[in-house]
Amino acid sequence: MQEVDVCITFCEGAHDVAFLHRTLKSLFGFVEETNWAFKDYPAPLNVQFQATVAKHFSQDLSHTKLYDFLLPKKVLRRADIVVLIFRTDGGDRAKLDRARVYLERFFKLLRKAQTFPDNPTVRNPTACVSRAFVLFLYDAEGVGFKKVRETLYSVFGALLADSLGDGGWVVDAHNPALARAERSAVYIWGDDEGFGTLEDLLLPIHEESDPERFNAAKDCIDALCSWDIAKIPQRAKRGKSIMCLLGQKKKPGSAHSVMIDQTKTMSDQAFASSPAVVSFSAFLQDFLGVEQAV
């Protein structure tokens, strides 16, 4: 039976999902798995996905609730490493608690699958999870790196310590956005002051890619709407609006997350050479133990 490593990633929103997806595909050579049936996932994921969806339908819940931590938004694979990307749609306590419940169930099933790999309840998988990693990608917003880390650790810390043997997260001495243990980590998006959102990191890449078009889009958005960019939510909305406008010819009417992942409003060269992307990629390389492909 093949042994694989699995990284379960919880993203705050669609923009985090798109950014991680592009990074893994373009810089690390991961391939998106779109055709796997439940049985094709390594144990215990094959059982967990099937059981949670079956429970969902047995309770006759709204179809809009199907993706509440039941299924990943993206699944990518490179050799024996599988990355599952979930979206929590925010960082409030109720949504984080649902993610914690998902992880608790996963770790319980993982211990069973690793102890009894031939048990019929794992449905004869061809692969089994050998090691699990957990990653959180969230915005600093107006509360800052430290507060976001503390909130996440208050929800997940005990579970990660019990299931992974991880101690507390240690802030990287060279990168205050990153705090990690051996097999769990949190990476927080923000500006140089430790506040803000992913848009603060992406806008310079757009500008570097095509300064003339970027300035034209920025001037148009600023002419259409007034912004108080001293307020982080307003600054983030302005950034999303600029990115959306830049990608309208390629993906008319689409959200900024689509622009991040499916257009070249950020050129491959500008994306790969961005200091923010370089730092994040260096972390992924060390955390997952996989060399960059480019």
C-alpha atoms as a PDB file:
ATOM      1  CA  MET A   1       0.000   0.000   0.000  1.00  0.00           C
ATOM      2  CA  GLN A   2       1.363   3.411  -0.972  1.00  0.00           C
ATOM      3  CA  GLU A   3       2.013   5.853   1.852  1.00  0.00           C
ATOM      4  CA  VAL A   4       1.346   9.539   1.218  1.00  0.00           C
ATOM      5  CA  ASP A   5       1.673  12.794   3.123  1.00  0.00           C
ATOM      6  CA  VAL A   6      -1.437  14.966   3.336  1.00  0.00           C
ATOM      7  CA  CYS A   7      -1.523  18.688   4.067  1.00  0.00           C
ATOM      8  CA  ILE A   8      -4.943  19.880   5.190  1.00  0.00           C
ATOM      9  CA  THR A   9      -5.147  23.624   4.619  1.00  0.00           C
ATOM     10  CA  PHE A  10      -7.856  25.882   5.992  1.00  0.00           C
ATOM     11  CA  CYS A  11      -8.141  29.171   4.095  1.00  0.00           C
ATOM     12  CA  GLU A  12     -10.117  32.157   5.267  1.00  0.00           C
ATOM     13  CA  GLY A  13     -11.604  32.921   1.852  1.00  0.00           C
ATOM     14  CA  ALA A  14     -11.587  32.371  -1.884  1.00  0.00           C
ATOM     15  CA  HIS A  15      -8.579  34.632  -2.439  1.00  0.00           C
ATOM     16  CA  ASP A  16      -6.393  32.452  -0.183  1.00  0.00           C
ATOM     17  CA  VAL A  17      -7.541  29.316  -2.014  1.00  0.00           C
ATOM     18  CA  ALA A  18      -6.701  30.879  -5.387  1.00  0.00           C
ATOM     19  CA  PHE A  19      -3.298  32.131  -4.237  1.00  0.00           C
ATOM     20  CA  LEU A  20      -2.237  28.788  -2.762  1.00  0.00           C
ATOM     21  CA  HIS A  21      -3.574  26.935  -5.798  1.00  0.00           C
ATOM     22  CA  ARG A  22      -1.550  29.090  -8.180  1.00  0.00           C
ATOM     23  CA  THR A  23       1.585  28.847  -6.040  1.00  0.00           C
ATOM     24  CA  LEU A  24       1.476  25.057  -5.837  1.00  0.00           C
ATOM     25  CA  LYS A  25       0.775  24.607  -9.541  1.00  0.00           C
ATOM     26  CA  SER A  26       3.056  27.217 -11.062  1.00  0.00           C
ATOM     27  CA  LEU A  27       6.031  27.085  -8.704  1.00  0.00           C
ATOM     28  CA  PHE A  28       5.969  23.546  -7.318  1.00  0.00           C
ATOM     29  CA  GLY A  29       4.508  21.526 -10.174  1.00  0.00           C
ATOM     30  CA  PHE A  30       1.500  20.192  -8.278  1.00  0.00           C
ATOM     31  CA  VAL A  31      -1.318  18.865 -10.457  1.00  0.00           C
ATOM     32  CA  GLU A  32      -4.968  19.357  -9.581  1.00  0.00           C
ATOM     33  CA  GLU A  33      -6.936  16.160  -9.040  1.00  0.00           C
ATOM     34  CA  THR A  34     -10.374  16.637 -10.545  1.00  0.00           C
ATOM     35  CA  ASN A  35     -11.445  13.080 -11.329  1.00  0.00           C
ATOM     36  CA  TRP A  36     -10.930  11.263  -8.060  1.00  0.00           C
ATOM     37  CA  ALA A  37     -13.954   9.428  -6.696  1.00  0.00           C
ATOM     38  CA  PHE A  38     -14.166   9.044  -2.926  1.00  0.00           C
ATOM     39  CA  LYS A  39     -12.614   5.581  -3.172  1.00  0.00           C
ATOM     40  CA  ASP A  40      -9.534   7.031  -4.870  1.00  0.00           C
ATOM     41  CA  TYR A  41      -8.499   9.151  -1.890  1.00  0.00           C
ATOM     42  CA  PRO A  42      -5.932   7.721   0.524  1.00  0.00           C
ATOM     43  CA  ALA A  43      -7.384   6.276   3.717  1.00  0.00           C
ATOM     44  CA  PRO A  44      -8.929   7.620   5.853  1.00  0.00           C
ATOM     45  CA  LEU A  45     -10.063  10.425   3.528  1.00  0.00           C
ATOM     46  CA  ASN A  46     -11.962   7.960   1.348  1.00  0.00           C
ATOM     47  CA  VAL A  47     -14.103   6.978   4.316  1.00  0.00           C
ATOM     48  CA  GLN A  48     -14.429  10.456   5.781  1.00  0.00           C
ATOM     49  CA  PHE A  49     -15.657  12.150   2.602  1.00  0.00           C
ATOM     50  CA  GLN A  50     -18.161   9.427   1.831  1.00  0.00           C
ATOM     51  CA  ALA A  51     -19.491   9.263   5.382  1.00  0.00           C
ATOM     52  CA  THR A  52     -19.878  13.008   5.825  1.00  0.00           C
ATOM     53  CA  VAL A  53     -21.686  13.465   2.521  1.00  0.00           C
ATOM     54  CA  ALA A  54     -23.961  10.507   3.289  1.00  0.00           C
ATOM     55  CA  LYS A  55     -24.744  12.014   6.700  1.00  0.00           C
ATOM     56  CA  HIS A  56     -25.421  15.358   5.083  1.00  0.00           C
ATOM     57  CA  PHE A  57     -28.020  13.914   2.746  1.00  0.00           C
ATOM     58  CA  SER A  58     -29.536  11.673   5.415  1.00  0.00           C
ATOM     59  CA  GLN A  59     -30.281  14.819   7.419  1.00  0.00           C
ATOM     60  CA  ASP A  60     -31.825  16.438   4.333  1.00  0.00           C
ATOM     61  CA  LEU A  61     -29.887  19.671   4.764  1.00  0.00           C
ATOM     62  CA  SER A  62     -29.783  22.515   2.285  1.00  0.00           C
ATOM     63  CA  HIS A  63     -27.474  21.884  -0.663  1.00  0.00           C
ATOM     64  CA  THR A  64     -25.711  25.162   0.137  1.00  0.00           C
ATOM     65  CA  LYS A  65     -24.360  23.527   3.314  1.00  0.00           C
ATOM     66  CA  LEU A  66     -22.669  20.707   1.395  1.00  0.00           C
ATOM     67  CA  TYR A  67     -19.317  22.453   1.292  1.00  0.00           C
ATOM     68  CA  ASP A  68     -19.193  23.484   4.944  1.00  0.00           C
ATOM     69  CA  PHE A  69     -15.921  21.643   5.580  1.00  0.00           C
ATOM     70  CA  LEU A  70     -17.248  18.432   4.066  1.00  0.00           C
ATOM     71  CA  LEU A  71     -15.283  18.598   0.836  1.00  0.00           C
ATOM     72  CA  PRO A  72     -12.157  20.510  -0.149  1.00  0.00           C
ATOM     73  CA  LYS A  73     -12.346  23.305  -2.692  1.00  0.00           C
ATOM     74  CA  LYS A  74      -9.159  22.100  -4.357  1.00  0.00           C
ATOM     75  CA  VAL A  75      -7.153  18.882  -4.265  1.00  0.00           C
ATOM     76  CA  LEU A  76      -3.600  18.890  -5.621  1.00  0.00           C
ATOM     77  CA  ARG A  77      -0.991  16.184  -5.799  1.00  0.00           C
ATOM     78  CA  ARG A  78       2.687  15.835  -6.527  1.00  0.00           C
ATOM     79  CA  ALA A  79       4.133  12.324  -6.226  1.00  0.00           C
ATOM     80  CA  ASP A  80       3.344  11.202  -2.661  1.00  0.00           C
ATOM     81  CA  ILE A  81       2.148  14.578  -1.341  1.00  0.00           C
ATOM     82  CA  VAL A  82      -1.544  15.533  -1.418  1.00  0.00           C
ATOM     83  CA  VAL A  83      -2.773  19.011  -0.489  1.00  0.00           C
ATOM     84  CA  LEU A  84      -6.424  19.513   0.438  1.00  0.00           C
ATOM     85  CA  ILE A  85      -7.582  23.144   0.412  1.00  0.00           C
ATOM     86  CA  PHE A  86     -10.681  23.983   2.439  1.00  0.00           C
ATOM     87  CA  ARG A  87     -12.355  27.396   2.752  1.00  0.00           C
ATOM     88  CA  THR A  88     -13.823  28.461   6.075  1.00  0.00           C
ATOM     89  CA  ASP A  89     -15.405  31.675   4.732  1.00  0.00           C
ATOM     90  CA  GLY A  90     -14.199  33.724   7.655  1.00  0.00           C
ATOM     91  CA  GLY A  91     -12.393  33.399  10.931  1.00  0.00           C
ATOM     92  CA  ASP A  92     -15.158  33.733  13.520  1.00  0.00           C
ATOM     93  CA  ARG A  93     -15.308  31.212  16.339  1.00  0.00           C
ATOM     94  CA  ALA A  94     -18.282  29.224  14.989  1.00  0.00           C
ATOM     95  CA  LYS A  95     -16.572  28.582  11.654  1.00  0.00           C
ATOM     96  CA  LEU A  96     -13.271  27.711  13.263  1.00  0.00           C
ATOM     97  CA  ASP A  97     -15.050  25.281  15.594  1.00  0.00           C
ATOM     98  CA  ARG A  98     -16.562  23.478  12.592  1.00  0.00           C
ATOM     99  CA  ALA A  99     -13.094  23.145  11.101  1.00  0.00           C
ATOM    100  CA  ARG A 100     -11.836  21.765  14.412  1.00  0.00           C
ATOM    101  CA  VAL A 101     -14.601  19.149  14.466  1.00  0.00           C
ATOM    102  CA  TYR A 102     -13.606  18.127  10.940  1.00  0.00           C
ATOM    103  CA  LEU A 103      -9.977  17.704  12.032  1.00  0.00           C
ATOM    104  CA  GLU A 104     -10.942  15.739  15.122  1.00  0.00           C
ATOM    105  CA  ARG A 105     -12.835  13.270  12.969  1.00  0.00           C
ATOM    106  CA  PHE A 106      -9.957  13.034  10.506  1.00  0.00           C
ATOM    107  CA  PHE A 107      -7.341  12.295  13.175  1.00  0.00           C
ATOM    108  CA  LYS A 108      -9.574   9.682  14.807  1.00  0.00           C
ATOM    109  CA  LEU A 109     -10.010   7.891  11.487  1.00  0.00           C
ATOM    110  CA  LEU A 110      -6.318   8.296  10.666  1.00  0.00           C
ATOM    111  CA  ARG A 111      -5.247   6.464  13.827  1.00  0.00           C
ATOM    112  CA  LYS A 112      -7.615   3.638  12.932  1.00  0.00           C
ATOM    113  CA  ALA A 113      -6.460   3.448   9.304  1.00  0.00           C
ATOM    114  CA  GLN A 114      -2.781   3.406  10.286  1.00  0.00           C
ATOM    115  CA  THR A 115      -3.336   0.750  12.939  1.00  0.00           C
ATOM    116  CA  PHE A 116      -5.629  -1.492  10.891  1.00  0.00           C
ATOM    117  CA  PRO A 117      -4.909  -0.746   7.204  1.00  0.00           C
ATOM    118  CA  ASP A 118      -6.610  -3.962   6.040  1.00  0.00           C
ATOM    119  CA  ASN A 119      -9.786  -3.380   8.042  1.00  0.00           C
ATOM    120  CA  PRO A 120     -12.852  -3.564   5.758  1.00  0.00           C
ATOM    121  CA  THR A 121     -14.080  -0.221   7.080  1.00  0.00           C
ATOM    122  CA  VAL A 122     -11.313   1.546   5.145  1.00  0.00           C
ATOM    123  CA  ARG A 123     -12.690   0.006   1.920  1.00  0.00           C
ATOM    124  CA  ASN A 124      -9.422  -1.461   0.665  1.00  0.00           C
ATOM    125  CA  PRO A 125      -7.635   1.750  -0.342  1.00  0.00           C
ATOM    126  CA  THR A 126      -4.582   1.716  -2.576  1.00  0.00           C
ATOM    127  CA  ALA A 127      -2.951   4.429  -0.442  1.00  0.00           C
ATOM    128  CA  CYS A 128      -2.940   5.474   3.202  1.00  0.00           C
ATOM    129  CA  VAL A 129      -1.965   8.728   4.862  1.00  0.00           C
ATOM    130  CA  SER A 130       1.391   8.290   6.527  1.00  0.00           C
ATOM    131  CA  ARG A 131       1.910  11.836   7.836  1.00  0.00           C
ATOM    132  CA  ALA A 132      -0.543  14.698   8.186  1.00  0.00           C
ATOM    133  CA  PHE A 133       0.257  18.404   8.102  1.00  0.00           C
ATOM    134  CA  VAL A 134      -2.127  21.254   8.940  1.00  0.00           C
ATOM    135  CA  LEU A 135      -1.809  24.785   7.561  1.00  0.00           C
ATOM    136  CA  PHE A 136      -3.896  27.900   8.218  1.00  0.00           C
ATOM    137  CA  LEU A 137      -3.954  30.886   5.827  1.00  0.00           C
ATOM    138  CA  TYR A 138      -5.704  33.986   7.192  1.00  0.00           C
ATOM    139  CA  ASP A 139      -5.671  37.786   6.908  1.00  0.00           C
ATOM    140  CA  ALA A 140      -4.317  39.936   9.700  1.00  0.00           C
ATOM    141  CA  GLU A 141      -7.110  42.464   9.094  1.00  0.00           C
ATOM    142  CA  GLY A 142      -7.128  45.207  11.738  1.00  0.00           C
ATOM    143  CA  VAL A 143      -6.323  42.961  14.709  1.00  0.00           C
ATOM    144  CA  GLY A 144      -2.799  42.020  13.631  1.00  0.00           C
ATOM    145  CA  PHE A 145      -0.655  38.918  13.312  1.00  0.00           C
ATOM    146  CA  LYS A 146      -0.461  38.153  17.021  1.00  0.00           C
ATOM    147  CA  LYS A 147      -4.197  38.251  17.685  1.00  0.00           C
ATOM    148  CA  VAL A 148      -5.038  36.052  14.693  1.00  0.00           C
ATOM    149  CA  ARG A 149      -2.449  33.485  15.793  1.00  0.00           C
ATOM    150  CA  GLU A 150      -3.781  33.477  19.341  1.00  0.00           C
ATOM    151  CA  THR A 151      -7.356  32.969  18.143  1.00  0.00           C
ATOM    152  CA  LEU A 152      -6.404  30.073  15.888  1.00  0.00           C
ATOM    153  CA  TYR A 153      -4.259  28.420  18.518  1.00  0.00           C
ATOM    154  CA  SER A 154      -6.976  28.713  21.145  1.00  0.00           C
ATOM    155  CA  VAL A 155      -9.223  26.645  18.881  1.00  0.00           C
ATOM    156  CA  PHE A 156      -6.755  24.150  17.404  1.00  0.00           C
ATOM    157  CA  GLY A 157      -3.727  24.085  19.704  1.00  0.00           C
ATOM    158  CA  ALA A 158      -4.783  21.244  22.002  1.00  0.00           C
ATOM    159  CA  LEU A 159      -5.918  19.083  19.071  1.00  0.00           C
ATOM    160  CA  LEU A 160      -2.666  19.634  17.166  1.00  0.00           C
ATOM    161  CA  ALA A 161      -0.611  18.833  20.251  1.00  0.00           C
ATOM    162  CA  ASP A 162      -2.554  15.630  20.880  1.00  0.00           C
ATOM    163  CA  SER A 163      -2.740  14.438  17.259  1.00  0.00           C
ATOM    164  CA  LEU A 164       0.561  15.647  15.797  1.00  0.00           C
ATOM    165  CA  GLY A 165       2.700  15.975  18.883  1.00  0.00           C
ATOM    166  CA  ASP A 166       3.251  19.631  18.029  1.00  0.00           C
ATOM    167  CA  GLY A 167       4.083  22.143  20.706  1.00  0.00           C
ATOM    168  CA  GLY A 168       3.168  25.807  20.455  1.00  0.00           C
ATOM    169  CA  TRP A 169       3.765  27.705  17.233  1.00  0.00           C
ATOM    170  CA  VAL A 170       7.045  29.577  17.130  1.00  0.00           C
ATOM    171  CA  VAL A 171       7.138  32.852  15.188  1.00  0.00           C
ATOM    172  CA  ASP A 172       9.780  32.860  12.458  1.00  0.00           C
ATOM    173  CA  ALA A 173      12.587  35.225  13.373  1.00  0.00           C
ATOM    174  CA  HIS A 174      12.847  36.512   9.800  1.00  0.00           C
ATOM    175  CA  ASN A 175       9.160  36.448   8.857  1.00  0.00           C
ATOM    176  CA  PRO A 176       6.608  37.623  11.432  1.00  0.00           C
ATOM    177  CA  ALA A 177       3.768  36.455   9.166  1.00  0.00           C
ATOM    178  CA  LEU A 178       4.773  32.850   9.812  1.00  0.00           C
ATOM    179  CA  ALA A 179       4.491  30.803  12.986  1.00  0.00           C
ATOM    180  CA  ARG A 180       4.927  27.047  12.956  1.00  0.00           C
ATOM    181  CA  ALA A 181       5.680  23.812  14.706  1.00  0.00           C
ATOM    182  CA  GLU A 182       6.950  20.658  13.018  1.00  0.00           C
ATOM    183  CA  ARG A 183       3.731  19.655  11.249  1.00  0.00           C
ATOM    184  CA  SER A 184       1.378  22.593  11.702  1.00  0.00           C
ATOM    185  CA  ALA A 185       1.696  26.253  10.815  1.00  0.00           C
ATOM    186  CA  VAL A 186      -0.157  29.509  10.370  1.00  0.00           C
ATOM    187  CA  TYR A 187       0.723  32.047   7.677  1.00  0.00           C
ATOM    188  CA  ILE A 188      -0.956  35.426   7.992  1.00  0.00           C
ATOM    189  CA  TRP A 189      -1.288  37.993   5.229  1.00  0.00           C
ATOM    190  CA  GLY A 190      -0.655  41.631   5.993  1.00  0.00           C
ATOM    191  CA  ASP A 191       1.522  44.669   5.426  1.00  0.00           C
ATOM    192  CA  ASP A 192       4.904  45.519   6.922  1.00  0.00           C
ATOM    193  CA  GLU A 193       3.210  46.695  10.112  1.00  0.00           C
ATOM    194  CA  GLY A 194       1.529  43.319  10.652  1.00  0.00           C
ATOM    195  CA  PHE A 195      -1.974  44.369   9.627  1.00  0.00           C
ATOM    196  CA  GLY A 196      -4.002  44.109   6.442  1.00  0.00           C
ATOM    197  CA  THR A 197      -4.916  41.419   3.921  1.00  0.00           C
ATOM    198  CA  LEU A 198      -3.585  39.343   1.046  1.00  0.00           C
ATOM    199  CA  GLU A 199      -4.413  42.221  -1.314  1.00  0.00           C
ATOM    200  CA  ASP A 200      -1.563  44.210   0.245  1.00  0.00           C
ATOM    201  CA  LEU A 201       0.825  41.581  -1.122  1.00  0.00           C
ATOM    202  CA  LEU A 202      -0.844  41.051  -4.493  1.00  0.00           C
ATOM    203  CA  LEU A 203      -1.252  44.641  -5.684  1.00  0.00           C
ATOM    204  CA  PRO A 204       2.517  45.240  -6.053  1.00  0.00           C
ATOM    205  CA  ILE A 205       2.715  42.105  -8.219  1.00  0.00           C
ATOM    206  CA  HIS A 206      -0.016  43.471 -10.485  1.00  0.00           C
ATOM    207  CA  GLU A 207       1.797  46.784 -10.729  1.00  0.00           C
ATOM    208  CA  GLU A 208       5.094  45.098 -11.542  1.00  0.00           C
ATOM    209  CA  SER A 209       3.408  42.980 -14.217  1.00  0.00           C
ATOM    210  CA  ASP A 210       2.069  45.935 -16.212  1.00  0.00           C
ATOM    211  CA  PRO A 211       2.507  49.375 -14.611  1.00  0.00           C
ATOM    212  CA  GLU A 212       0.570  51.229 -17.317  1.00  0.00           C
ATOM    213  CA  ARG A 213      -2.529  49.040 -17.135  1.00  0.00           C
ATOM    214  CA  PHE A 214      -2.327  48.894 -13.339  1.00  0.00           C
ATOM    215  CA  ASN A 215      -2.286  52.684 -13.013  1.00  0.00           C
ATOM    216  CA  ALA A 216      -5.140  53.017 -15.498  1.00  0.00           C
ATOM    217  CA  ALA A 217      -7.248  50.534 -13.532  1.00  0.00           C
ATOM    218  CA  LYS A 218      -6.382  52.211 -10.238  1.00  0.00           C
ATOM    219  CA  ASP A 219      -7.309  55.651 -11.592  1.00  0.00           C
ATOM    220  CA  CYS A 220     -10.594  54.310 -12.948  1.00  0.00           C
ATOM    221  CA  ILE A 221     -11.572  52.668  -9.651  1.00  0.00           C
ATOM    222  CA  ASP A 222     -10.613  55.773  -7.687  1.00  0.00           C
ATOM    223  CA  ALA A 223     -12.637  57.944 -10.057  1.00  0.00           C
ATOM    224  CA  LEU A 224     -15.700  55.733  -9.710  1.00  0.00           C
ATOM    225  CA  CYS A 225     -15.605  55.306  -5.936  1.00  0.00           C
ATOM    226  CA  SER A 226     -14.229  57.095  -2.912  1.00  0.00           C
ATOM    227  CA  TRP A 227     -12.094  55.078  -0.511  1.00  0.00           C
ATOM    228  CA  ASP A 228     -10.807  55.608   2.984  1.00  0.00           C
ATOM    229  CA  ILE A 229      -7.675  53.492   2.601  1.00  0.00           C
ATOM    230  CA  ALA A 230      -6.650  54.210   6.166  1.00  0.00           C
ATOM    231  CA  LYS A 231      -9.356  51.672   7.037  1.00  0.00           C
ATOM    232  CA  ILE A 232      -8.196  48.152   6.223  1.00  0.00           C
ATOM    233  CA  PRO A 233     -11.572  46.815   4.958  1.00  0.00           C
ATOM    234  CA  GLN A 234     -11.813  49.771   2.561  1.00  0.00           C
ATOM    235  CA  ARG A 235      -8.230  49.245   1.428  1.00  0.00           C
ATOM    236  CA  ALA A 236      -8.908  45.574   0.759  1.00  0.00           C
ATOM    237  CA  LYS A 237     -12.079  46.303  -1.222  1.00  0.00           C
ATOM    238  CA  ARG A 238     -10.216  48.838  -3.331  1.00  0.00           C
ATOM    239  CA  GLY A 239      -7.491  46.296  -4.045  1.00  0.00           C
ATOM    240  CA  LYS A 240     -10.000  43.637  -5.041  1.00  0.00           C
ATOM    241  CA  SER A 241     -11.750  46.110  -7.323  1.00  0.00           C
ATOM    242  CA  ILE A 242      -8.507  46.999  -9.105  1.00  0.00           C
ATOM    243  CA  MET A 243      -7.639  43.337  -9.605  1.00  0.00           C
ATOM    244  CA  CYS A 244     -11.112  42.551 -10.906  1.00  0.00           C
ATOM    245  CA  LEU A 245     -10.986  45.403 -13.410  1.00  0.00           C
ATOM    246  CA  LEU A 246      -7.581  44.308 -14.703  1.00  0.00           C
ATOM    247  CA  GLY A 247      -8.889  40.827 -15.506  1.00  0.00           C
ATOM    248  CA  GLN A 248     -12.226  41.704 -17.069  1.00  0.00           C
ATOM    249  CA  LYS A 249     -11.170  41.051 -20.667  1.00  0.00           C
ATOM    250  CA  LYS A 250     -10.069  37.509 -19.831  1.00  0.00           C
ATOM    251  CA  LYS A 251     -12.749  36.669 -17.264  1.00  0.00           C
ATOM    252  CA  PRO A 252     -15.586  39.204 -17.570  1.00  0.00           C
ATOM    253  CA  GLY A 253     -17.779  39.396 -14.500  1.00  0.00           C
ATOM    254  CA  SER A 254     -15.578  37.102 -12.405  1.00  0.00           C
ATOM    255  CA  ALA A 255     -14.433  37.605  -8.834  1.00  0.00           C
ATOM    256  CA  HIS A 256     -10.920  38.644  -7.867  1.00  0.00           C
ATOM    257  CA  SER A 257     -10.101  35.083  -6.805  1.00  0.00           C
ATOM    258  CA  VAL A 258     -10.614  33.982 -10.404  1.00  0.00           C
ATOM    259  CA  MET A 259      -8.294  36.752 -11.578  1.00  0.00           C
ATOM    260  CA  ILE A 260      -5.585  35.574  -9.171  1.00  0.00           C
ATOM    261  CA  ASP A 261      -5.713  31.995 -10.346  1.00  0.00           C
ATOM    262  CA  GLN A 262      -6.864  32.025 -13.970  1.00  0.00           C
ATOM    263  CA  THR A 263      -5.485  35.155 -15.634  1.00  0.00           C
ATOM    264  CA  LYS A 264      -2.069  36.687 -16.253  1.00  0.00           C
ATOM    265  CA  THR A 265      -2.867  40.034 -14.627  1.00  0.00           C
ATOM    266  CA  MET A 266       0.030  38.896 -12.469  1.00  0.00           C
ATOM    267  CA  SER A 267       2.691  37.695 -14.886  1.00  0.00           C
ATOM    268  CA  ASP A 268       4.491  34.468 -14.047  1.00  0.00           C
ATOM    269  CA  GLN A 269       7.776  36.336 -13.745  1.00  0.00           C
ATOM    270  CA  ALA A 270       6.423  39.062 -11.456  1.00  0.00           C
ATOM    271  CA  PHE A 271       4.570  36.465  -9.391  1.00  0.00           C
ATOM    272  CA  ALA A 272       7.586  34.200  -8.902  1.00  0.00           C
ATOM    273  CA  SER A 273       9.965  37.060  -8.080  1.00  0.00           C
ATOM    274  CA  SER A 274       7.677  38.894  -5.639  1.00  0.00           C
ATOM    275  CA  PRO A 275       9.294  39.042  -2.171  1.00  0.00           C
ATOM    276  CA  ALA A 276       5.986  37.972  -0.629  1.00  0.00           C
ATOM    277  CA  VAL A 277       5.714  34.932  -2.899  1.00  0.00           C
ATOM    278  CA  VAL A 278       9.399  34.079  -2.448  1.00  0.00           C
ATOM    279  CA  SER A 279       8.968  34.066   1.338  1.00  0.00           C
ATOM    280  CA  PHE A 280       5.796  31.999   1.232  1.00  0.00           C
ATOM    281  CA  SER A 281       7.290  29.516  -1.247  1.00  0.00           C
ATOM    282  CA  ALA A 282      10.408  29.092   0.886  1.00  0.00           C
ATOM    283  CA  PHE A 283       8.150  28.217   3.803  1.00  0.00           C
ATOM    284  CA  LEU A 284       6.168  25.680   1.744  1.00  0.00           C
ATOM    285  CA  GLN A 285       9.353  24.076   0.501  1.00  0.00           C
ATOM    286  CA  ASP A 286      10.596  23.528   4.043  1.00  0.00           C
ATOM    287  CA  PHE A 287       7.222  22.670   5.553  1.00  0.00           C
ATOM    288  CA  LEU A 288       6.191  20.090   2.936  1.00  0.00           C
ATOM    289  CA  GLY A 289       9.705  18.924   2.117  1.00  0.00           C
ATOM    290  CA  VAL A 290       9.313  19.449  -1.619  1.00  0.00           C
ATOM    291  CA  GLU A 291      11.621  21.315  -3.980  1.00  0.00           C
ATOM    292  CA  GLN A 292      10.287  24.060  -6.209  1.00  0.00           C
ATOM    293  CA  ALA A 293       9.820  23.039  -9.815  1.00  0.00           C
ATOM    294  CA  VAL A 294      10.836  26.417 -11.282  1.00  0.00           C
END
